[in-house]
Amino acid sequence: IVWLGDNFRNWFLKKTEDSIGPTELRHHQLTRPSLDVPIIAELGGEAKAETTLQEIFFLMNQQTNGENGVLLTNNYANIFYVRDAENVLRAVSVDWRGDGWGVRADSVSDPVEWDDGNQVVSRNS
């Protein structure tokens, strides 16, 4: 990780997660611009949209040098929905910066529109 956004630092650095077992994730490329609320609804609600920091960091570790894999490394964002230290669902985005991963967090209720071409990662259940 070469960059952490201020929101991510404020909302997640104090968070601890219990260890989870194996999970299966899905990834979907956005075909049109969208806000978080409609994306979460399309995924089947918060329970299906929600992932964990563990899952994000596992995927990042699989592509430590920006090699091909599940995560996009082509200047598009990989969007995850994760509960912060206060149990509020946030949009966490991960993008390859050429020399490492950048990680930021945004409120799902803010009108941040994700561009088509970005990828959303969610649970497969």
N, C-alpha and C. Protein backbone atom coordinates (compact mmCIF):
# COMPACT_ATOMS: atom_id res chain seq x y z
N ILE A 1 0.86 -1.18 0.00
CA ILE A 1 0.00 0.00 0.00
C ILE A 1 0.90 1.23 0.00
N VAL A 2 0.72 2.07 -0.98
CA VAL A 2 1.53 3.28 -1.09
C VAL A 2 0.75 4.53 -0.71
N TRP A 3 -0.57 4.40 -0.57
CA TRP A 3 -1.36 5.59 -0.22
C TRP A 3 -2.63 5.16 0.50
N LEU A 4 -2.94 5.85 1.59
CA LEU A 4 -4.20 5.67 2.33
C LEU A 4 -4.89 7.03 2.43
N GLY A 5 -6.13 7.10 2.02
CA GLY A 5 -6.89 8.33 2.11
C GLY A 5 -7.24 8.68 3.55
N ASP A 6 -7.49 9.95 3.79
CA ASP A 6 -7.82 10.42 5.14
C ASP A 6 -9.06 9.76 5.70
N ASN A 7 -10.12 9.62 4.88
CA ASN A 7 -11.33 8.96 5.37
C ASN A 7 -11.03 7.53 5.79
N PHE A 8 -10.25 6.82 5.00
CA PHE A 8 -9.91 5.45 5.37
C PHE A 8 -9.18 5.43 6.71
N ARG A 9 -8.21 6.31 6.86
CA ARG A 9 -7.48 6.37 8.13
C ARG A 9 -8.43 6.64 9.30
N ASN A 10 -9.31 7.61 9.14
CA ASN A 10 -10.23 7.99 10.22
C ASN A 10 -11.24 6.91 10.54
N TRP A 11 -11.75 6.24 9.53
CA TRP A 11 -12.84 5.28 9.74
C TRP A 11 -12.39 3.85 9.99
N PHE A 12 -11.18 3.48 9.54
CA PHE A 12 -10.81 2.06 9.56
C PHE A 12 -9.55 1.71 10.37
N LEU A 13 -8.66 2.63 10.63
CA LEU A 13 -7.41 2.24 11.28
C LEU A 13 -7.60 1.66 12.68
N LYS A 14 -8.68 1.99 13.34
CA LYS A 14 -8.94 1.44 14.68
C LYS A 14 -9.79 0.18 14.64
N LYS A 15 -10.15 -0.27 13.44
CA LYS A 15 -11.03 -1.43 13.30
C LYS A 15 -10.25 -2.72 13.47
N THR A 16 -10.86 -3.67 14.17
CA THR A 16 -10.34 -5.04 14.21
C THR A 16 -11.43 -5.95 13.66
N GLU A 17 -11.01 -6.99 13.00
CA GLU A 17 -11.94 -7.97 12.45
C GLU A 17 -11.57 -9.35 12.97
N ASP A 18 -12.59 -10.14 13.28
CA ASP A 18 -12.36 -11.54 13.62
C ASP A 18 -11.97 -12.28 12.35
N SER A 19 -11.18 -13.31 12.54
CA SER A 19 -10.77 -14.12 11.40
C SER A 19 -11.99 -14.78 10.77
N ILE A 20 -12.00 -14.81 9.45
CA ILE A 20 -13.11 -15.45 8.74
C ILE A 20 -12.56 -16.65 7.98
N GLY A 21 -13.44 -17.57 7.70
CA GLY A 21 -13.05 -18.73 6.90
C GLY A 21 -13.04 -18.38 5.43
N PRO A 22 -12.87 -19.38 4.60
CA PRO A 22 -12.86 -19.14 3.16
C PRO A 22 -14.19 -18.53 2.70
N THR A 23 -14.10 -17.59 1.81
CA THR A 23 -15.28 -16.96 1.23
C THR A 23 -15.14 -16.96 -0.28
N GLU A 24 -16.26 -16.82 -0.94
CA GLU A 24 -16.26 -16.72 -2.38
C GLU A 24 -16.78 -15.33 -2.74
N LEU A 25 -16.01 -14.62 -3.54
CA LEU A 25 -16.37 -13.27 -3.93
C LEU A 25 -16.76 -13.24 -5.40
N ARG A 26 -17.60 -12.29 -5.73
CA ARG A 26 -17.97 -12.03 -7.12
C ARG A 26 -17.41 -10.67 -7.50
N HIS A 27 -17.13 -10.48 -8.77
CA HIS A 27 -16.72 -9.16 -9.24
C HIS A 27 -17.49 -8.82 -10.50
N HIS A 28 -17.91 -7.55 -10.56
CA HIS A 28 -18.77 -7.06 -11.62
C HIS A 28 -18.21 -5.74 -12.14
N GLN A 29 -18.06 -5.62 -13.43
CA GLN A 29 -17.62 -4.36 -14.01
C GLN A 29 -18.84 -3.49 -14.28
N LEU A 30 -18.76 -2.24 -13.85
CA LEU A 30 -19.85 -1.30 -14.10
C LEU A 30 -19.93 -1.00 -15.60
N THR A 31 -21.12 -1.09 -16.14
CA THR A 31 -21.32 -0.80 -17.57
C THR A 31 -21.87 0.60 -17.80
N ARG A 32 -22.22 1.26 -16.70
CA ARG A 32 -22.67 2.66 -16.77
C ARG A 32 -22.34 3.31 -15.43
N PRO A 33 -22.20 4.63 -15.40
CA PRO A 33 -21.94 5.30 -14.12
C PRO A 33 -23.06 5.03 -13.12
N SER A 34 -22.70 4.95 -11.84
CA SER A 34 -23.71 4.68 -10.82
C SER A 34 -23.26 5.17 -9.46
N LEU A 35 -24.24 5.43 -8.61
CA LEU A 35 -24.01 5.77 -7.21
C LEU A 35 -23.98 4.49 -6.38
N ASP A 36 -23.51 4.58 -5.15
CA ASP A 36 -23.41 3.41 -4.28
C ASP A 36 -24.77 2.79 -3.95
N VAL A 37 -25.77 3.59 -3.63
CA VAL A 37 -27.06 3.04 -3.20
C VAL A 37 -27.66 2.13 -4.27
N PRO A 38 -27.72 2.54 -5.55
CA PRO A 38 -28.25 1.62 -6.56
C PRO A 38 -27.36 0.39 -6.78
N ILE A 39 -26.05 0.55 -6.63
CA ILE A 39 -25.15 -0.60 -6.78
C ILE A 39 -25.45 -1.62 -5.69
N ILE A 40 -25.57 -1.17 -4.45
CA ILE A 40 -25.85 -2.08 -3.33
C ILE A 40 -27.19 -2.77 -3.54
N ALA A 41 -28.19 -2.03 -4.00
CA ALA A 41 -29.51 -2.64 -4.27
C ALA A 41 -29.40 -3.69 -5.36
N GLU A 42 -28.67 -3.41 -6.42
CA GLU A 42 -28.50 -4.36 -7.52
C GLU A 42 -27.78 -5.64 -7.06
N LEU A 43 -26.89 -5.51 -6.10
CA LEU A 43 -26.19 -6.68 -5.56
C LEU A 43 -27.06 -7.53 -4.66
N GLY A 44 -28.21 -7.01 -4.26
CA GLY A 44 -29.11 -7.77 -3.40
C GLY A 44 -29.17 -7.27 -1.98
N GLY A 45 -28.70 -6.05 -1.75
CA GLY A 45 -28.75 -5.45 -0.41
C GLY A 45 -27.40 -5.47 0.29
N GLU A 46 -27.36 -4.84 1.44
CA GLU A 46 -26.11 -4.68 2.18
C GLU A 46 -25.45 -6.00 2.54
N ALA A 47 -26.24 -7.00 2.95
CA ALA A 47 -25.66 -8.27 3.39
C ALA A 47 -24.88 -8.95 2.27
N LYS A 48 -25.37 -8.85 1.04
CA LYS A 48 -24.66 -9.47 -0.08
C LYS A 48 -23.54 -8.58 -0.60
N ALA A 49 -23.70 -7.29 -0.46
CA ALA A 49 -22.68 -6.36 -0.94
C ALA A 49 -21.46 -6.32 -0.02
N GLU A 50 -21.69 -6.54 1.27
CA GLU A 50 -20.65 -6.33 2.28
C GLU A 50 -19.51 -7.34 2.17
N THR A 51 -18.29 -6.82 2.25
CA THR A 51 -17.08 -7.63 2.31
C THR A 51 -16.29 -7.18 3.54
N THR A 52 -15.07 -7.66 3.68
CA THR A 52 -14.24 -7.30 4.84
C THR A 52 -12.90 -6.76 4.38
N LEU A 53 -12.21 -6.10 5.30
CA LEU A 53 -10.85 -5.66 5.02
C LEU A 53 -9.95 -6.86 4.75
N GLN A 54 -10.18 -7.96 5.47
CA GLN A 54 -9.37 -9.16 5.25
C GLN A 54 -9.43 -9.62 3.80
N GLU A 55 -10.63 -9.60 3.24
CA GLU A 55 -10.79 -10.04 1.85
C GLU A 55 -10.10 -9.08 0.89
N ILE A 56 -10.20 -7.80 1.17
CA ILE A 56 -9.52 -6.81 0.32
C ILE A 56 -8.01 -7.03 0.36
N PHE A 57 -7.46 -7.12 1.56
CA PHE A 57 -6.01 -7.24 1.68
C PHE A 57 -5.51 -8.58 1.14
N PHE A 58 -6.31 -9.63 1.25
CA PHE A 58 -5.94 -10.91 0.65
C PHE A 58 -5.79 -10.74 -0.87
N LEU A 59 -6.77 -10.10 -1.50
CA LEU A 59 -6.70 -9.89 -2.95
C LEU A 59 -5.53 -9.00 -3.33
N MET A 60 -5.29 -7.94 -2.56
CA MET A 60 -4.16 -7.06 -2.85
C MET A 60 -2.84 -7.83 -2.76
N ASN A 61 -2.74 -8.72 -1.77
CA ASN A 61 -1.52 -9.52 -1.60
C ASN A 61 -1.31 -10.50 -2.74
N GLN A 62 -2.37 -10.88 -3.43
CA GLN A 62 -2.25 -11.76 -4.58
C GLN A 62 -1.66 -11.04 -5.79
N GLN A 63 -1.68 -9.71 -5.75
CA GLN A 63 -1.21 -8.89 -6.87
C GLN A 63 -0.27 -7.80 -6.36
N THR A 64 0.71 -8.17 -5.59
CA THR A 64 1.58 -7.18 -4.93
C THR A 64 2.40 -6.34 -5.90
N ASN A 65 2.59 -6.82 -7.12
CA ASN A 65 3.36 -6.06 -8.10
C ASN A 65 2.51 -5.56 -9.26
N GLY A 66 1.19 -5.55 -9.05
CA GLY A 66 0.29 -5.05 -10.08
C GLY A 66 0.04 -6.04 -11.21
N GLU A 67 0.36 -7.32 -10.96
CA GLU A 67 0.13 -8.33 -11.99
C GLU A 67 -1.37 -8.57 -12.18
N ASN A 68 -1.71 -9.28 -13.24
CA ASN A 68 -3.11 -9.59 -13.52
C ASN A 68 -3.69 -10.48 -12.43
N GLY A 69 -4.97 -10.32 -12.18
CA GLY A 69 -5.67 -11.10 -11.18
C GLY A 69 -7.09 -10.62 -11.08
N VAL A 70 -7.71 -10.85 -9.94
CA VAL A 70 -9.10 -10.43 -9.74
C VAL A 70 -9.23 -8.91 -9.75
N LEU A 71 -8.29 -8.23 -9.10
CA LEU A 71 -8.37 -6.77 -9.01
C LEU A 71 -7.89 -6.11 -10.30
N LEU A 72 -8.58 -5.04 -10.66
CA LEU A 72 -8.15 -4.24 -11.81
C LEU A 72 -6.87 -3.50 -11.47
N THR A 73 -5.97 -3.42 -12.42
CA THR A 73 -4.72 -2.67 -12.24
C THR A 73 -4.53 -1.67 -13.38
N ASN A 74 -5.64 -1.25 -13.98
CA ASN A 74 -5.60 -0.41 -15.18
C ASN A 74 -6.15 1.00 -14.94
N ASN A 75 -5.91 1.54 -13.77
CA ASN A 75 -6.36 2.89 -13.39
C ASN A 75 -7.84 2.97 -13.05
N TYR A 76 -8.55 1.87 -13.07
CA TYR A 76 -9.93 1.85 -12.61
C TYR A 76 -9.96 1.39 -11.15
N ALA A 77 -11.05 1.73 -10.46
CA ALA A 77 -11.18 1.39 -9.05
C ALA A 77 -11.81 0.01 -8.87
N ASN A 78 -11.41 -0.65 -7.79
CA ASN A 78 -12.03 -1.86 -7.30
C ASN A 78 -12.81 -1.44 -6.06
N ILE A 79 -14.13 -1.56 -6.11
CA ILE A 79 -15.00 -1.02 -5.07
C ILE A 79 -15.51 -2.15 -4.19
N PHE A 80 -15.37 -1.96 -2.88
CA PHE A 80 -15.84 -2.92 -1.88
C PHE A 80 -16.73 -2.16 -0.90
N TYR A 81 -17.66 -2.86 -0.29
CA TYR A 81 -18.49 -2.26 0.76
C TYR A 81 -18.15 -2.94 2.08
N VAL A 82 -17.61 -2.15 3.02
CA VAL A 82 -17.05 -2.67 4.27
C VAL A 82 -17.56 -1.83 5.43
N ARG A 83 -17.86 -2.47 6.54
CA ARG A 83 -18.25 -1.75 7.76
C ARG A 83 -17.01 -1.22 8.45
N ASP A 84 -17.08 0.05 8.87
CA ASP A 84 -15.93 0.69 9.52
C ASP A 84 -15.90 0.36 11.02
N ALA A 85 -15.04 1.02 11.76
CA ALA A 85 -14.88 0.76 13.19
C ALA A 85 -16.15 1.08 13.97
N GLU A 86 -17.02 1.92 13.44
CA GLU A 86 -18.29 2.27 14.09
C GLU A 86 -19.47 1.49 13.51
N ASN A 87 -19.17 0.48 12.71
CA ASN A 87 -20.17 -0.40 12.09
C ASN A 87 -21.01 0.30 11.02
N VAL A 88 -20.46 1.34 10.41
CA VAL A 88 -21.14 2.05 9.32
C VAL A 88 -20.61 1.49 8.00
N LEU A 89 -21.51 1.15 7.08
CA LEU A 89 -21.09 0.64 5.78
C LEU A 89 -20.48 1.76 4.96
N ARG A 90 -19.29 1.51 4.45
CA ARG A 90 -18.54 2.48 3.64
C ARG A 90 -18.15 1.86 2.31
N ALA A 91 -17.91 2.70 1.33
CA ALA A 91 -17.35 2.25 0.05
C ALA A 91 -15.84 2.39 0.16
N VAL A 92 -15.14 1.28 0.05
CA VAL A 92 -13.68 1.28 0.07
C VAL A 92 -13.21 0.97 -1.33
N SER A 93 -12.40 1.85 -1.88
CA SER A 93 -11.89 1.62 -3.23
C SER A 93 -10.39 1.43 -3.20
N VAL A 94 -9.96 0.52 -4.05
CA VAL A 94 -8.55 0.14 -4.15
C VAL A 94 -8.15 0.32 -5.61
N ASP A 95 -7.06 1.02 -5.84
CA ASP A 95 -6.59 1.19 -7.21
C ASP A 95 -5.07 1.06 -7.27
N TRP A 96 -4.60 0.51 -8.37
CA TRP A 96 -3.17 0.32 -8.58
C TRP A 96 -2.55 1.65 -9.02
N ARG A 97 -1.49 2.06 -8.33
CA ARG A 97 -0.87 3.37 -8.57
C ARG A 97 0.45 3.28 -9.33
N GLY A 98 0.76 2.13 -9.87
CA GLY A 98 2.02 1.96 -10.60
C GLY A 98 3.12 1.40 -9.73
N ASP A 99 3.13 1.80 -8.46
CA ASP A 99 4.17 1.30 -7.54
C ASP A 99 3.55 0.68 -6.29
N GLY A 100 2.25 0.52 -6.27
CA GLY A 100 1.56 -0.07 -5.13
C GLY A 100 0.09 0.32 -5.13
N TRP A 101 -0.61 -0.15 -4.12
CA TRP A 101 -2.05 0.07 -4.02
C TRP A 101 -2.39 1.37 -3.28
N GLY A 102 -3.39 2.06 -3.76
CA GLY A 102 -3.99 3.18 -3.06
C GLY A 102 -5.33 2.73 -2.51
N VAL A 103 -5.63 3.15 -1.29
CA VAL A 103 -6.88 2.73 -0.64
C VAL A 103 -7.58 3.98 -0.10
N ARG A 104 -8.85 4.12 -0.42
CA ARG A 104 -9.62 5.25 0.10
C ARG A 104 -10.99 4.76 0.52
N ALA A 105 -11.70 5.58 1.26
CA ALA A 105 -13.04 5.24 1.71
C ALA A 105 -13.95 6.45 1.53
N ASP A 106 -15.19 6.15 1.18
CA ASP A 106 -16.20 7.18 1.01
C ASP A 106 -17.49 6.73 1.68
N SER A 107 -18.33 7.68 2.02
CA SER A 107 -19.64 7.38 2.56
C SER A 107 -20.52 6.86 1.43
N VAL A 108 -21.31 5.82 1.69
CA VAL A 108 -22.21 5.32 0.65
C VAL A 108 -23.40 6.25 0.42
N SER A 109 -23.64 7.16 1.36
CA SER A 109 -24.76 8.09 1.19
C SER A 109 -24.36 9.38 0.48
N ASP A 110 -23.06 9.62 0.31
CA ASP A 110 -22.62 10.79 -0.46
C ASP A 110 -22.84 10.52 -1.94
N PRO A 111 -23.17 11.53 -2.69
CA PRO A 111 -23.43 11.32 -4.12
C PRO A 111 -22.15 11.20 -4.95
N VAL A 112 -21.32 10.20 -4.63
CA VAL A 112 -20.12 9.92 -5.42
C VAL A 112 -20.54 8.97 -6.53
N GLU A 113 -20.35 9.39 -7.77
CA GLU A 113 -20.73 8.53 -8.89
C GLU A 113 -19.49 7.80 -9.38
N TRP A 114 -19.60 6.47 -9.44
CA TRP A 114 -18.52 5.63 -9.94
C TRP A 114 -18.66 5.52 -11.46
N ASP A 115 -17.55 5.67 -12.16
CA ASP A 115 -17.57 5.61 -13.62
C ASP A 115 -17.73 4.18 -14.12
N ASP A 116 -18.28 4.07 -15.33
CA ASP A 116 -18.31 2.75 -15.96
C ASP A 116 -16.86 2.31 -16.17
N GLY A 117 -16.64 1.02 -16.10
CA GLY A 117 -15.28 0.47 -16.16
C GLY A 117 -14.72 0.11 -14.81
N ASN A 118 -15.21 0.76 -13.73
CA ASN A 118 -14.80 0.38 -12.39
C ASN A 118 -15.41 -0.98 -12.07
N GLN A 119 -14.85 -1.64 -11.07
CA GLN A 119 -15.29 -2.98 -10.69
C GLN A 119 -15.81 -3.00 -9.27
N VAL A 120 -16.91 -3.70 -9.04
CA VAL A 120 -17.47 -3.88 -7.71
C VAL A 120 -17.24 -5.33 -7.30
N VAL A 121 -16.75 -5.51 -6.06
CA VAL A 121 -16.51 -6.85 -5.52
C VAL A 121 -17.47 -7.06 -4.36
N SER A 122 -18.15 -8.22 -4.38
CA SER A 122 -19.16 -8.50 -3.36
C SER A 122 -19.11 -9.99 -2.98
N ARG A 123 -19.91 -10.35 -1.98
CA ARG A 123 -20.03 -11.75 -1.56
C ARG A 123 -20.80 -12.54 -2.61
N ASN A 124 -20.57 -13.83 -2.66
CA ASN A 124 -21.25 -14.69 -3.60
C ASN A 124 -22.35 -15.48 -2.92
N SER A 125 -23.02 -14.87 -1.96
CA SER A 125 -24.10 -15.59 -1.28
C SER A 125 -25.24 -14.66 -0.97
